[in-house]
């Protein structure tokens, strides 16, 4: 069988592994999954990288649909996640229950890690706006550790190279080296809806995998990975 090329947002990686493993039983090497920030994946697609199935943020897929890069009518929501704060496992959990408390913790922290907005990381782009809203853009700039993607944020925090990290809650929950201290408080929170879509050239195996991701057992994987219904 021909391999199915999947471009998938990093926030969905842990949730996708269960359904992908089930699909691949008896089909060795059938899925080629590339993970990364939504912005960089979209750029790779627009540069001509082959893809059969896209799992990205809903706004990105809607934009790609407008460019004719997504099969009409194939977009299906998977679920939503919010942005959270990660600390290294075993470290004291900071109080971030309010905007004022979060501001104080960010000022106290020796270092703060988030996804580089220049790479198109959704959570990093939002967190940069949060810093501006809190009046901390300059204060944090000197101690910021910018990661290429949300998946790297937890690696940096878990490895002790940053005291706090901001990324999608699903990414934090999937890494045992870190703990979710909490979600950004409501005034500063931003939830992202992730969805799947088929490329116009998608073959039968890609269509079968997409159909499986819409089923109830796949939805259970996404719920366990921290996704709320869209």
N, C-alpha and C. Protein backbone atom coordinates (compact mmCIF):
# COMPACT_ATOMS: atom_id res chain seq x y z
N UNK A 1 0.83 -1.19 0.00
CA UNK A 1 0.00 0.00 0.00
C UNK A 1 0.87 1.25 0.00
N UNK A 2 0.38 2.34 -0.57
CA UNK A 2 1.11 3.60 -0.57
C UNK A 2 1.04 4.23 0.82
N UNK A 3 2.15 4.86 1.22
CA UNK A 3 2.18 5.52 2.52
C UNK A 3 1.24 6.72 2.53
N UNK A 4 0.69 7.01 3.70
CA UNK A 4 -0.17 8.17 3.89
C UNK A 4 0.67 9.26 4.55
N UNK A 5 0.85 10.38 3.88
CA UNK A 5 1.62 11.50 4.42
C UNK A 5 0.69 12.40 5.23
N UNK A 6 1.04 12.56 6.51
CA UNK A 6 0.21 13.35 7.43
C UNK A 6 1.02 14.53 7.95
N UNK A 7 0.51 15.73 7.80
CA UNK A 7 1.09 16.91 8.42
C UNK A 7 0.21 17.26 9.62
N UNK A 8 0.80 17.20 10.83
CA UNK A 8 0.00 17.30 12.05
C UNK A 8 0.59 18.32 13.02
N UNK A 9 -0.26 19.17 13.56
CA UNK A 9 0.17 20.13 14.57
C UNK A 9 0.73 19.42 15.78
N UNK A 10 1.78 19.98 16.37
CA UNK A 10 2.42 19.35 17.52
C UNK A 10 1.48 19.13 18.69
N UNK A 11 0.49 20.01 18.86
CA UNK A 11 -0.44 19.88 19.97
C UNK A 11 -1.28 18.62 19.88
N UNK A 12 -1.36 18.02 18.69
CA UNK A 12 -2.20 16.85 18.47
C UNK A 12 -1.38 15.56 18.49
N UNK A 13 -0.06 15.65 18.59
CA UNK A 13 0.81 14.49 18.46
C UNK A 13 0.43 13.35 19.41
N UNK A 14 0.34 13.64 20.70
CA UNK A 14 0.07 12.58 21.68
C UNK A 14 -1.29 11.95 21.44
N UNK A 15 -2.28 12.77 21.09
CA UNK A 15 -3.62 12.25 20.87
C UNK A 15 -3.69 11.38 19.62
N UNK A 16 -2.85 11.68 18.63
CA UNK A 16 -2.90 10.96 17.37
C UNK A 16 -2.21 9.60 17.45
N UNK A 17 -1.28 9.43 18.37
CA UNK A 17 -0.48 8.22 18.39
C UNK A 17 -1.31 6.96 18.62
N UNK A 18 -2.33 7.05 19.48
CA UNK A 18 -3.17 5.88 19.71
C UNK A 18 -3.92 5.45 18.46
N UNK A 19 -4.73 6.34 17.85
CA UNK A 19 -5.43 5.97 16.62
C UNK A 19 -4.48 5.58 15.49
N UNK A 20 -3.33 6.23 15.42
CA UNK A 20 -2.37 5.90 14.35
C UNK A 20 -1.83 4.49 14.54
N UNK A 21 -1.52 4.12 15.80
CA UNK A 21 -1.02 2.78 16.05
C UNK A 21 -2.05 1.72 15.72
N UNK A 22 -3.30 2.00 16.06
CA UNK A 22 -4.37 1.04 15.75
C UNK A 22 -4.55 0.88 14.24
N UNK A 23 -4.44 1.98 13.52
CA UNK A 23 -4.61 1.93 12.07
C UNK A 23 -3.46 1.17 11.41
N UNK A 24 -2.27 1.31 11.96
CA UNK A 24 -1.09 0.73 11.34
C UNK A 24 -0.91 -0.75 11.63
N UNK A 25 -1.68 -1.31 12.54
CA UNK A 25 -1.57 -2.74 12.80
C UNK A 25 -1.91 -3.49 11.52
N UNK A 26 -0.96 -4.27 11.03
CA UNK A 26 -1.16 -4.98 9.79
C UNK A 26 -0.85 -4.15 8.57
N UNK A 27 -0.47 -2.87 8.79
CA UNK A 27 -0.10 -1.99 7.69
C UNK A 27 1.22 -1.30 8.04
N UNK A 28 2.30 -2.03 8.21
CA UNK A 28 3.57 -1.43 8.63
C UNK A 28 4.00 -0.28 7.72
N UNK A 29 4.38 0.81 8.37
CA UNK A 29 4.88 1.95 7.62
C UNK A 29 3.85 2.68 6.78
N UNK A 30 2.58 2.51 7.13
CA UNK A 30 1.54 3.10 6.29
C UNK A 30 1.35 4.59 6.53
N UNK A 31 1.78 5.09 7.71
CA UNK A 31 1.62 6.50 8.03
C UNK A 31 2.98 7.17 8.16
N UNK A 32 3.13 8.29 7.52
CA UNK A 32 4.33 9.12 7.66
C UNK A 32 3.87 10.44 8.25
N UNK A 33 4.03 10.59 9.56
CA UNK A 33 3.52 11.76 10.26
C UNK A 33 4.63 12.76 10.52
N UNK A 34 4.42 13.99 10.11
CA UNK A 34 5.35 15.08 10.39
C UNK A 34 4.65 16.05 11.33
N UNK A 35 5.32 16.38 12.45
CA UNK A 35 4.73 17.24 13.46
C UNK A 35 5.48 18.57 13.54
N UNK A 36 4.76 19.62 13.90
CA UNK A 36 5.41 20.92 14.04
C UNK A 36 4.39 22.01 14.26
N UNK A 37 4.87 23.26 14.33
CA UNK A 37 3.95 24.39 14.48
C UNK A 37 3.06 24.51 13.25
N UNK A 38 1.84 24.96 13.48
CA UNK A 38 0.88 25.07 12.38
C UNK A 38 1.43 25.95 11.26
N UNK A 39 2.03 27.07 11.62
CA UNK A 39 2.53 27.99 10.61
C UNK A 39 3.59 27.37 9.71
N UNK A 40 4.52 26.63 10.32
CA UNK A 40 5.58 26.03 9.52
C UNK A 40 5.06 24.88 8.67
N UNK A 41 4.10 24.12 9.18
CA UNK A 41 3.51 23.04 8.39
C UNK A 41 2.74 23.59 7.19
N UNK A 42 2.02 24.66 7.43
CA UNK A 42 1.29 25.28 6.32
C UNK A 42 2.28 25.78 5.26
N UNK A 43 3.40 26.35 5.71
CA UNK A 43 4.40 26.84 4.76
C UNK A 43 5.00 25.69 3.96
N UNK A 44 5.23 24.55 4.63
CA UNK A 44 5.78 23.38 3.93
C UNK A 44 4.81 22.88 2.87
N UNK A 45 3.54 22.88 3.21
CA UNK A 45 2.53 22.44 2.24
C UNK A 45 2.50 23.38 1.05
N UNK A 46 2.51 24.68 1.33
CA UNK A 46 2.44 25.66 0.25
C UNK A 46 3.71 25.64 -0.61
N UNK A 47 4.82 25.11 -0.03
CA UNK A 47 6.06 25.01 -0.78
C UNK A 47 6.10 23.76 -1.65
N UNK A 48 5.06 22.92 -1.53
CA UNK A 48 4.98 21.75 -2.39
C UNK A 48 5.23 20.42 -1.72
N UNK A 49 5.38 20.40 -0.39
CA UNK A 49 5.59 19.12 0.29
C UNK A 49 4.33 18.26 0.15
N UNK A 50 4.48 16.98 -0.21
CA UNK A 50 3.29 16.13 -0.39
C UNK A 50 2.59 15.85 0.92
N UNK A 51 1.29 15.87 0.90
CA UNK A 51 0.48 15.56 2.09
C UNK A 51 -0.85 15.01 1.64
N UNK A 52 -1.32 14.00 2.34
CA UNK A 52 -2.62 13.41 2.06
C UNK A 52 -3.66 13.83 3.08
N UNK A 53 -3.20 13.99 4.34
CA UNK A 53 -4.09 14.33 5.44
C UNK A 53 -3.46 15.45 6.25
N UNK A 54 -4.25 16.46 6.56
CA UNK A 54 -3.79 17.61 7.33
C UNK A 54 -4.54 17.66 8.65
N UNK A 55 -3.81 17.83 9.75
CA UNK A 55 -4.42 18.00 11.06
C UNK A 55 -3.83 19.27 11.65
N UNK A 56 -4.56 20.35 11.51
CA UNK A 56 -4.06 21.68 11.86
C UNK A 56 -5.15 22.45 12.60
N UNK A 57 -4.87 23.69 12.94
CA UNK A 57 -5.92 24.51 13.54
C UNK A 57 -7.00 24.78 12.51
N UNK A 58 -8.21 24.95 12.98
CA UNK A 58 -9.33 25.17 12.06
C UNK A 58 -9.13 26.42 11.19
N UNK A 59 -8.67 27.54 11.75
CA UNK A 59 -8.45 28.70 10.88
C UNK A 59 -7.46 28.44 9.76
N UNK A 60 -6.39 27.67 10.06
CA UNK A 60 -5.40 27.36 9.03
C UNK A 60 -6.01 26.51 7.92
N UNK A 61 -6.84 25.53 8.31
CA UNK A 61 -7.47 24.68 7.30
C UNK A 61 -8.50 25.46 6.48
N UNK A 62 -9.21 26.36 7.13
CA UNK A 62 -10.17 27.18 6.38
C UNK A 62 -9.44 28.03 5.34
N UNK A 63 -8.27 28.55 5.72
CA UNK A 63 -7.49 29.36 4.79
C UNK A 63 -6.98 28.50 3.63
N UNK A 64 -6.50 27.29 3.95
CA UNK A 64 -6.02 26.39 2.91
C UNK A 64 -7.14 25.95 1.98
N UNK A 65 -8.34 25.80 2.54
CA UNK A 65 -9.49 25.46 1.71
C UNK A 65 -9.77 26.56 0.70
N UNK A 66 -9.59 27.82 1.15
CA UNK A 66 -9.80 28.94 0.25
C UNK A 66 -8.78 28.98 -0.87
N UNK A 67 -7.62 28.34 -0.64
CA UNK A 67 -6.57 28.29 -1.67
C UNK A 67 -6.70 27.04 -2.55
N UNK A 68 -7.70 26.21 -2.27
CA UNK A 68 -7.89 24.99 -3.05
C UNK A 68 -6.96 23.87 -2.67
N UNK A 69 -6.34 23.95 -1.48
CA UNK A 69 -5.39 22.92 -1.05
C UNK A 69 -6.04 21.86 -0.17
N UNK A 70 -7.33 22.02 0.09
CA UNK A 70 -8.09 21.09 0.91
C UNK A 70 -9.32 20.65 0.13
N UNK A 71 -9.64 19.36 0.20
CA UNK A 71 -10.82 18.86 -0.50
C UNK A 71 -12.08 19.48 0.08
N UNK A 72 -12.91 20.07 -0.73
CA UNK A 72 -14.14 20.70 -0.24
C UNK A 72 -14.98 19.72 0.58
N UNK A 73 -15.45 20.19 1.73
CA UNK A 73 -16.33 19.39 2.58
C UNK A 73 -15.63 18.36 3.44
N UNK A 74 -14.29 18.31 3.40
CA UNK A 74 -13.59 17.27 4.17
C UNK A 74 -13.13 17.72 5.54
N UNK A 75 -13.27 19.01 5.86
CA UNK A 75 -12.80 19.49 7.17
C UNK A 75 -13.74 18.99 8.26
N UNK A 76 -13.13 18.42 9.33
CA UNK A 76 -13.91 17.92 10.47
C UNK A 76 -13.19 18.29 11.76
N UNK A 77 -13.88 18.94 12.67
CA UNK A 77 -13.27 19.34 13.94
C UNK A 77 -12.93 18.12 14.79
N UNK A 78 -11.79 18.21 15.49
CA UNK A 78 -11.35 17.15 16.39
C UNK A 78 -11.62 17.52 17.84
N UNK A 79 -11.29 18.74 18.22
CA UNK A 79 -11.47 19.18 19.60
C UNK A 79 -10.71 20.47 19.85
N UNK A 80 -10.82 20.96 21.06
CA UNK A 80 -10.18 22.22 21.42
C UNK A 80 -9.25 22.04 22.62
N UNK A 81 -8.21 22.86 22.67
CA UNK A 81 -7.31 22.89 23.84
C UNK A 81 -6.98 24.34 24.16
N UNK A 82 -6.61 24.57 25.41
CA UNK A 82 -6.21 25.90 25.84
C UNK A 82 -4.71 25.96 26.10
N UNK A 83 -4.24 27.14 26.41
CA UNK A 83 -2.82 27.36 26.69
C UNK A 83 -2.60 27.25 28.20
N UNK A 84 -1.58 26.50 28.58
CA UNK A 84 -1.28 26.31 30.00
C UNK A 84 0.16 26.66 30.32
N UNK A 85 0.47 26.60 31.62
CA UNK A 85 1.82 26.86 32.11
C UNK A 85 2.40 25.55 32.64
N UNK A 86 3.59 25.22 32.18
CA UNK A 86 4.28 24.00 32.60
C UNK A 86 5.43 24.32 33.54
N UNK A 87 5.63 23.45 34.52
CA UNK A 87 6.81 23.51 35.38
C UNK A 87 7.42 22.11 35.41
N UNK A 88 8.69 22.05 35.75
CA UNK A 88 9.37 20.77 35.82
C UNK A 88 8.74 19.91 36.92
N UNK A 89 8.56 18.62 36.65
CA UNK A 89 7.96 17.73 37.63
C UNK A 89 8.77 17.77 38.93
N UNK A 90 8.08 17.94 40.05
CA UNK A 90 8.73 18.04 41.34
C UNK A 90 8.92 19.46 41.82
N UNK A 91 8.81 20.44 40.92
CA UNK A 91 8.94 21.84 41.30
C UNK A 91 7.64 22.33 41.94
N UNK A 92 7.70 23.33 42.80
CA UNK A 92 6.48 23.88 43.39
C UNK A 92 5.54 24.41 42.30
N UNK A 93 4.25 24.19 42.49
CA UNK A 93 3.28 24.67 41.52
C UNK A 93 2.99 26.15 41.78
N UNK A 94 3.19 27.00 40.79
CA UNK A 94 2.93 28.43 40.98
C UNK A 94 1.44 28.73 40.94
N UNK A 95 1.06 29.79 41.64
CA UNK A 95 -0.32 30.27 41.60
C UNK A 95 -0.49 31.14 40.36
N UNK A 96 -1.29 30.69 39.41
CA UNK A 96 -1.56 31.48 38.20
C UNK A 96 -3.07 31.63 37.99
N UNK A 97 -3.81 31.57 39.09
CA UNK A 97 -5.27 31.53 39.00
C UNK A 97 -5.88 32.85 38.52
N UNK A 98 -5.15 33.94 38.61
CA UNK A 98 -5.66 35.23 38.16
C UNK A 98 -4.60 35.91 37.32
N UNK A 99 -5.01 36.94 36.60
CA UNK A 99 -4.05 37.67 35.78
C UNK A 99 -2.97 38.30 36.65
N UNK A 100 -3.36 38.80 37.82
CA UNK A 100 -2.39 39.42 38.71
C UNK A 100 -1.39 38.39 39.23
N UNK A 101 -1.89 37.19 39.57
CA UNK A 101 -1.01 36.14 40.07
C UNK A 101 -0.06 35.67 38.97
N UNK A 102 -0.57 35.51 37.77
CA UNK A 102 0.28 35.09 36.66
C UNK A 102 1.36 36.14 36.41
N UNK A 103 1.00 37.40 36.44
CA UNK A 103 1.98 38.47 36.21
C UNK A 103 3.10 38.41 37.25
N UNK A 104 2.72 38.19 38.50
CA UNK A 104 3.73 38.11 39.56
C UNK A 104 4.66 36.92 39.35
N UNK A 105 4.11 35.77 38.97
CA UNK A 105 4.94 34.58 38.77
C UNK A 105 5.90 34.77 37.60
N UNK A 106 5.43 35.43 36.54
CA UNK A 106 6.28 35.66 35.38
C UNK A 106 7.42 36.62 35.72
N UNK A 107 7.14 37.58 36.57
CA UNK A 107 8.19 38.50 37.00
C UNK A 107 9.21 37.79 37.89
N UNK A 108 8.74 36.88 38.74
CA UNK A 108 9.62 36.18 39.66
C UNK A 108 10.48 35.12 38.97
N UNK A 109 9.96 34.52 37.92
CA UNK A 109 10.64 33.40 37.27
C UNK A 109 12.00 33.82 36.71
N UNK A 110 12.98 32.94 36.86
CA UNK A 110 14.31 33.21 36.31
C UNK A 110 14.31 33.15 34.79
N UNK A 111 13.44 32.31 34.24
CA UNK A 111 13.37 32.17 32.79
C UNK A 111 11.98 31.69 32.40
N UNK A 112 11.55 32.08 31.20
CA UNK A 112 10.23 31.73 30.70
C UNK A 112 10.38 31.25 29.26
N UNK A 113 9.80 30.09 28.97
CA UNK A 113 9.92 29.50 27.63
C UNK A 113 8.55 29.48 26.94
N UNK A 114 8.56 29.81 25.66
CA UNK A 114 7.35 29.67 24.84
C UNK A 114 7.76 29.53 23.38
N UNK A 115 6.83 29.08 22.56
CA UNK A 115 7.11 28.87 21.15
C UNK A 115 7.37 30.18 20.42
N UNK A 116 8.36 30.16 19.57
CA UNK A 116 8.74 31.36 18.82
C UNK A 116 7.63 31.74 17.84
N UNK A 117 7.00 32.91 18.00
CA UNK A 117 5.95 33.31 17.06
C UNK A 117 6.43 33.36 15.62
N UNK A 118 7.73 33.59 15.43
CA UNK A 118 8.27 33.68 14.07
C UNK A 118 8.19 32.35 13.34
N UNK A 119 8.06 31.25 14.09
CA UNK A 119 7.95 29.93 13.49
C UNK A 119 6.50 29.50 13.31
N UNK A 120 5.57 30.38 13.66
CA UNK A 120 4.16 30.07 13.47
C UNK A 120 3.55 29.22 14.57
N UNK A 121 4.19 29.19 15.75
CA UNK A 121 3.64 28.40 16.85
C UNK A 121 2.40 29.11 17.41
N UNK A 122 1.26 28.42 17.42
CA UNK A 122 -0.01 29.04 17.81
C UNK A 122 0.02 29.52 19.26
N UNK A 123 0.46 28.65 20.19
CA UNK A 123 0.46 29.03 21.59
C UNK A 123 1.49 30.12 21.87
N UNK A 124 2.64 30.05 21.18
CA UNK A 124 3.66 31.07 21.37
C UNK A 124 3.21 32.43 20.88
N UNK A 125 2.51 32.44 19.76
CA UNK A 125 1.97 33.69 19.24
C UNK A 125 1.00 34.31 20.23
N UNK A 126 0.14 33.46 20.81
CA UNK A 126 -0.82 33.99 21.79
C UNK A 126 -0.11 34.44 23.05
N UNK A 127 0.86 33.67 23.53
CA UNK A 127 1.53 34.03 24.78
C UNK A 127 2.29 35.34 24.63
N UNK A 128 2.85 35.60 23.46
CA UNK A 128 3.52 36.88 23.24
C UNK A 128 2.52 38.03 23.41
N UNK A 129 1.27 37.82 22.97
CA UNK A 129 0.24 38.82 23.15
C UNK A 129 -0.12 38.97 24.63
N UNK A 130 -0.13 37.84 25.35
CA UNK A 130 -0.42 37.88 26.79
C UNK A 130 0.62 38.73 27.52
N UNK A 131 1.88 38.56 27.16
CA UNK A 131 2.94 39.35 27.79
C UNK A 131 2.71 40.84 27.54
N UNK A 132 2.27 41.18 26.36
CA UNK A 132 1.97 42.58 26.06
C UNK A 132 0.78 43.07 26.88
N UNK A 133 -0.25 42.23 26.99
CA UNK A 133 -1.43 42.60 27.75
C UNK A 133 -1.10 42.83 29.22
N UNK A 134 -0.14 42.07 29.73
CA UNK A 134 0.26 42.20 31.13
C UNK A 134 1.34 43.26 31.34
N UNK A 135 1.77 43.89 30.26
CA UNK A 135 2.81 44.90 30.35
C UNK A 135 4.18 44.31 30.67
N UNK A 136 4.41 43.07 30.23
CA UNK A 136 5.64 42.36 30.59
C UNK A 136 6.54 42.04 29.39
N UNK A 137 6.19 42.55 28.24
CA UNK A 137 6.97 42.19 27.05
C UNK A 137 8.45 42.50 27.23
N UNK A 138 8.77 43.68 27.72
CA UNK A 138 10.17 44.06 27.89
C UNK A 138 10.80 43.33 29.07
N UNK A 139 10.04 43.16 30.16
CA UNK A 139 10.58 42.52 31.36
C UNK A 139 10.94 41.07 31.11
N UNK A 140 10.17 40.40 30.28
CA UNK A 140 10.40 38.97 30.03
C UNK A 140 11.38 38.76 28.88
N UNK A 141 11.50 39.75 28.00
CA UNK A 141 12.35 39.57 26.81
C UNK A 141 13.76 39.13 27.16
N UNK A 142 14.31 39.69 28.23
CA UNK A 142 15.69 39.37 28.59
C UNK A 142 15.89 37.99 29.18
N UNK A 143 14.82 37.34 29.58
CA UNK A 143 14.94 36.00 30.17
C UNK A 143 14.09 34.98 29.42
N UNK A 144 13.62 35.36 28.25
CA UNK A 144 12.79 34.45 27.45
C UNK A 144 13.65 33.42 26.75
N UNK A 145 13.14 32.19 26.71
CA UNK A 145 13.76 31.10 25.96
C UNK A 145 12.76 30.72 24.87
N UNK A 146 13.06 31.07 23.64
CA UNK A 146 12.13 30.80 22.54
C UNK A 146 12.40 29.42 21.97
N UNK A 147 11.34 28.63 21.86
CA UNK A 147 11.43 27.27 21.32
C UNK A 147 10.93 27.26 19.89
N UNK A 148 11.43 26.32 19.10
CA UNK A 148 10.99 26.23 17.72
C UNK A 148 9.54 25.80 17.62
N UNK A 149 9.05 25.08 18.63
CA UNK A 149 7.68 24.58 18.62
C UNK A 149 7.24 24.29 20.04
N UNK A 150 5.91 24.13 20.22
CA UNK A 150 5.38 23.82 21.54
C UNK A 150 5.94 22.54 22.12
N UNK A 151 6.20 21.55 21.25
CA UNK A 151 6.76 20.29 21.72
C UNK A 151 8.12 20.49 22.37
N UNK A 152 8.87 21.49 21.92
CA UNK A 152 10.19 21.75 22.49
C UNK A 152 10.09 22.52 23.81
N UNK A 153 8.98 23.22 24.02
CA UNK A 153 8.81 23.95 25.27
C UNK A 153 8.89 23.00 26.46
N UNK A 154 8.18 21.87 26.38
CA UNK A 154 8.17 20.94 27.51
C UNK A 154 9.54 20.27 27.66
N UNK A 155 10.25 20.05 26.57
CA UNK A 155 11.59 19.48 26.66
C UNK A 155 12.53 20.44 27.39
N UNK A 156 12.41 21.71 27.10
CA UNK A 156 13.27 22.72 27.72
C UNK A 156 12.95 22.86 29.20
N UNK A 157 11.66 22.94 29.54
CA UNK A 157 11.27 23.06 30.95
C UNK A 157 11.59 21.77 31.70
N UNK A 158 11.27 20.62 31.11
CA UNK A 158 11.55 19.35 31.76
C UNK A 158 13.03 19.12 31.98
N UNK A 159 13.85 19.67 31.10
CA UNK A 159 15.29 19.53 31.23
C UNK A 159 15.92 20.56 32.15
N UNK A 160 15.11 21.43 32.74
CA UNK A 160 15.64 22.42 33.69
C UNK A 160 16.24 23.65 33.05
N UNK A 161 15.99 23.85 31.75
CA UNK A 161 16.58 25.01 31.07
C UNK A 161 15.66 26.23 31.10
N UNK A 162 14.48 26.08 31.66
CA UNK A 162 13.57 27.21 31.87
C UNK A 162 12.69 26.88 33.05
N UNK A 163 12.35 27.91 33.84
CA UNK A 163 11.55 27.68 35.04
C UNK A 163 10.08 27.48 34.73
N UNK A 164 9.57 28.25 33.77
CA UNK A 164 8.17 28.17 33.38
C UNK A 164 8.09 28.04 31.87
N UNK A 165 7.06 27.36 31.40
CA UNK A 165 6.84 27.23 29.96
C UNK A 165 5.38 27.38 29.63
N UNK A 166 5.10 28.06 28.55
CA UNK A 166 3.72 28.25 28.10
C UNK A 166 3.53 27.54 26.77
N UNK A 167 2.55 26.65 26.72
CA UNK A 167 2.22 25.96 25.48
C UNK A 167 0.85 25.33 25.61
N UNK A 168 0.42 24.62 24.57
CA UNK A 168 -0.90 23.99 24.62
C UNK A 168 -0.96 22.97 25.75
N UNK A 169 -2.08 22.92 26.44
CA UNK A 169 -2.23 22.03 27.59
C UNK A 169 -2.07 20.57 27.21
N UNK A 170 -2.45 20.20 25.99
CA UNK A 170 -2.32 18.81 25.55
C UNK A 170 -0.86 18.40 25.43
N UNK A 171 0.00 19.33 25.05
CA UNK A 171 1.43 19.06 24.95
C UNK A 171 2.03 18.85 26.34
N UNK A 172 1.61 19.68 27.28
CA UNK A 172 2.11 19.57 28.66
C UNK A 172 1.67 18.24 29.28
N UNK A 173 0.40 17.90 29.10
CA UNK A 173 -0.13 16.68 29.71
C UNK A 173 0.54 15.42 29.18
N UNK A 174 1.08 15.48 27.98
CA UNK A 174 1.65 14.28 27.36
C UNK A 174 3.10 14.02 27.76
N UNK A 175 3.74 14.96 28.42
CA UNK A 175 5.17 14.81 28.75
C UNK A 175 5.34 14.58 30.25
N UNK A 176 5.88 13.42 30.66
CA UNK A 176 6.02 13.11 32.09
C UNK A 176 7.06 13.93 32.81
N UNK A 177 7.90 14.66 32.08
CA UNK A 177 8.94 15.45 32.75
C UNK A 177 8.42 16.78 33.27
N UNK A 178 7.19 17.13 32.91
CA UNK A 178 6.62 18.40 33.34
C UNK A 178 5.23 18.17 33.94
N UNK A 179 4.73 19.21 34.60
CA UNK A 179 3.39 19.18 35.20
C UNK A 179 2.64 20.43 34.75
N UNK A 180 1.36 20.27 34.49
CA UNK A 180 0.52 21.41 34.14
C UNK A 180 0.18 22.18 35.42
N UNK A 181 0.75 23.36 35.57
CA UNK A 181 0.47 24.18 36.75
C UNK A 181 -0.94 24.74 36.70
N UNK A 182 -1.45 24.92 35.50
CA UNK A 182 -2.80 25.44 35.31
C UNK A 182 -2.92 26.09 33.96
N UNK A 183 -4.16 26.36 33.58
CA UNK A 183 -4.42 27.07 32.34
C UNK A 183 -4.30 28.57 32.56
N UNK A 184 -4.02 29.31 31.52
CA UNK A 184 -4.04 30.76 31.66
C UNK A 184 -5.42 31.18 32.15
N UNK A 185 -5.48 32.15 33.05
CA UNK A 185 -6.79 32.57 33.57
C UNK A 185 -7.68 33.09 32.46
N UNK A 186 -9.00 32.99 32.64
CA UNK A 186 -9.96 33.30 31.58
C UNK A 186 -9.74 34.59 30.81
N UNK A 187 -9.40 35.71 31.46
CA UNK A 187 -9.23 36.92 30.65
C UNK A 187 -8.09 36.83 29.64
N UNK A 188 -7.16 35.91 29.89
CA UNK A 188 -5.98 35.79 29.05
C UNK A 188 -5.95 34.51 28.24
N UNK A 189 -6.96 33.69 28.40
CA UNK A 189 -6.96 32.38 27.77
C UNK A 189 -7.34 32.47 26.30
N UNK A 190 -6.84 31.50 25.55
CA UNK A 190 -7.20 31.38 24.14
C UNK A 190 -7.28 29.90 23.82
N UNK A 191 -8.42 29.45 23.36
CA UNK A 191 -8.57 28.04 22.98
C UNK A 191 -8.44 27.91 21.46
N UNK A 192 -7.84 26.82 21.06
CA UNK A 192 -7.64 26.54 19.64
C UNK A 192 -8.42 25.30 19.26
N UNK A 193 -9.17 25.40 18.19
CA UNK A 193 -9.88 24.24 17.64
C UNK A 193 -9.00 23.60 16.58
N UNK A 194 -8.76 22.31 16.74
CA UNK A 194 -8.00 21.55 15.75
C UNK A 194 -8.96 20.70 14.93
N UNK A 195 -8.59 20.52 13.68
CA UNK A 195 -9.46 19.79 12.77
C UNK A 195 -8.61 19.01 11.78
N UNK A 196 -9.24 18.10 11.08
CA UNK A 196 -8.56 17.35 10.03
C UNK A 196 -9.19 17.68 8.69
N UNK A 197 -8.41 17.47 7.64
CA UNK A 197 -8.92 17.69 6.29
C UNK A 197 -8.10 16.86 5.31
N UNK A 198 -8.72 16.45 4.25
CA UNK A 198 -8.05 15.68 3.21
C UNK A 198 -7.52 16.61 2.12
N UNK A 199 -6.35 16.27 1.61
CA UNK A 199 -5.85 16.97 0.43
C UNK A 199 -6.65 16.48 -0.78
N UNK A 200 -6.79 17.30 -1.81
CA UNK A 200 -7.57 16.88 -2.98
C UNK A 200 -7.07 15.60 -3.62
N UNK A 201 -5.76 15.32 -3.48
CA UNK A 201 -5.18 14.13 -4.11
C UNK A 201 -5.14 12.91 -3.18
N UNK A 202 -5.78 12.99 -2.02
CA UNK A 202 -5.73 11.91 -1.04
C UNK A 202 -6.26 10.60 -1.62
N UNK A 203 -5.54 9.51 -1.29
CA UNK A 203 -5.94 8.20 -1.77
C UNK A 203 -6.86 7.48 -0.80
N UNK A 204 -7.21 6.23 -1.08
CA UNK A 204 -8.17 5.50 -0.25
C UNK A 204 -7.72 5.25 1.17
N UNK A 205 -6.39 5.01 1.40
CA UNK A 205 -5.94 4.76 2.78
C UNK A 205 -6.02 6.03 3.62
N UNK A 206 -5.71 7.16 3.03
CA UNK A 206 -5.84 8.42 3.75
C UNK A 206 -7.29 8.68 4.11
N UNK A 207 -8.19 8.35 3.20
CA UNK A 207 -9.61 8.56 3.46
C UNK A 207 -10.11 7.62 4.56
N UNK A 208 -9.59 6.39 4.57
CA UNK A 208 -9.99 5.46 5.62
C UNK A 208 -9.49 5.93 6.98
N UNK A 209 -8.25 6.42 7.03
CA UNK A 209 -7.71 6.90 8.30
C UNK A 209 -8.48 8.12 8.78
N UNK A 210 -8.80 9.03 7.88
CA UNK A 210 -9.58 10.21 8.25
C UNK A 210 -10.95 9.80 8.80
N UNK A 211 -11.55 8.81 8.18
CA UNK A 211 -12.86 8.34 8.64
C UNK A 211 -12.74 7.74 10.04
N UNK A 212 -11.66 7.02 10.31
CA UNK A 212 -11.48 6.43 11.64
C UNK A 212 -11.30 7.51 12.70
N UNK A 213 -10.62 8.60 12.33
CA UNK A 213 -10.41 9.68 13.29
C UNK A 213 -11.70 10.39 13.65
N UNK A 214 -12.73 10.19 12.85
CA UNK A 214 -14.04 10.80 13.16
C UNK A 214 -14.91 9.89 14.02
N UNK A 215 -14.46 8.67 14.30
CA UNK A 215 -15.26 7.72 15.05
C UNK A 215 -15.13 7.93 16.56
N UNK A 216 -16.05 7.33 17.30
CA UNK A 216 -16.12 7.54 18.75
C UNK A 216 -14.88 7.03 19.48
N UNK A 217 -14.28 5.90 19.04
CA UNK A 217 -13.12 5.40 19.76
C UNK A 217 -11.93 6.33 19.60
N UNK A 218 -11.79 6.97 18.45
CA UNK A 218 -10.73 7.96 18.27
C UNK A 218 -11.00 9.19 19.12
N UNK A 219 -12.26 9.59 19.21
CA UNK A 219 -12.62 10.74 20.04
C UNK A 219 -12.23 10.51 21.50
N UNK A 220 -12.32 9.26 21.95
CA UNK A 220 -11.92 8.94 23.32
C UNK A 220 -10.42 9.18 23.52
N UNK A 221 -9.61 8.85 22.51
CA UNK A 221 -8.17 9.13 22.59
C UNK A 221 -7.93 10.63 22.75
N UNK A 222 -8.65 11.42 22.00
CA UNK A 222 -8.47 12.86 22.07
C UNK A 222 -8.91 13.42 23.42
N UNK A 223 -9.97 12.90 23.99
CA UNK A 223 -10.41 13.37 25.31
C UNK A 223 -9.36 13.04 26.36
N UNK A 224 -8.80 11.82 26.30
CA UNK A 224 -7.77 11.46 27.27
C UNK A 224 -6.52 12.31 27.13
N UNK A 225 -6.30 12.83 25.94
CA UNK A 225 -5.12 13.66 25.71
C UNK A 225 -5.38 15.13 26.05
N UNK A 226 -6.55 15.43 26.60
CA UNK A 226 -6.84 16.79 27.06
C UNK A 226 -7.65 17.64 26.11
N UNK A 227 -8.21 17.05 25.07
CA UNK A 227 -9.03 17.82 24.14
C UNK A 227 -10.48 17.84 24.61
N UNK A 228 -11.08 19.00 24.53
CA UNK A 228 -12.51 19.13 24.80
C UNK A 228 -13.25 19.08 23.47
N UNK A 229 -14.52 18.65 23.49
CA UNK A 229 -15.28 18.62 22.23
C UNK A 229 -15.33 20.01 21.59
N UNK A 230 -15.21 20.03 20.28
CA UNK A 230 -15.24 21.33 19.55
C UNK A 230 -16.66 21.87 19.52
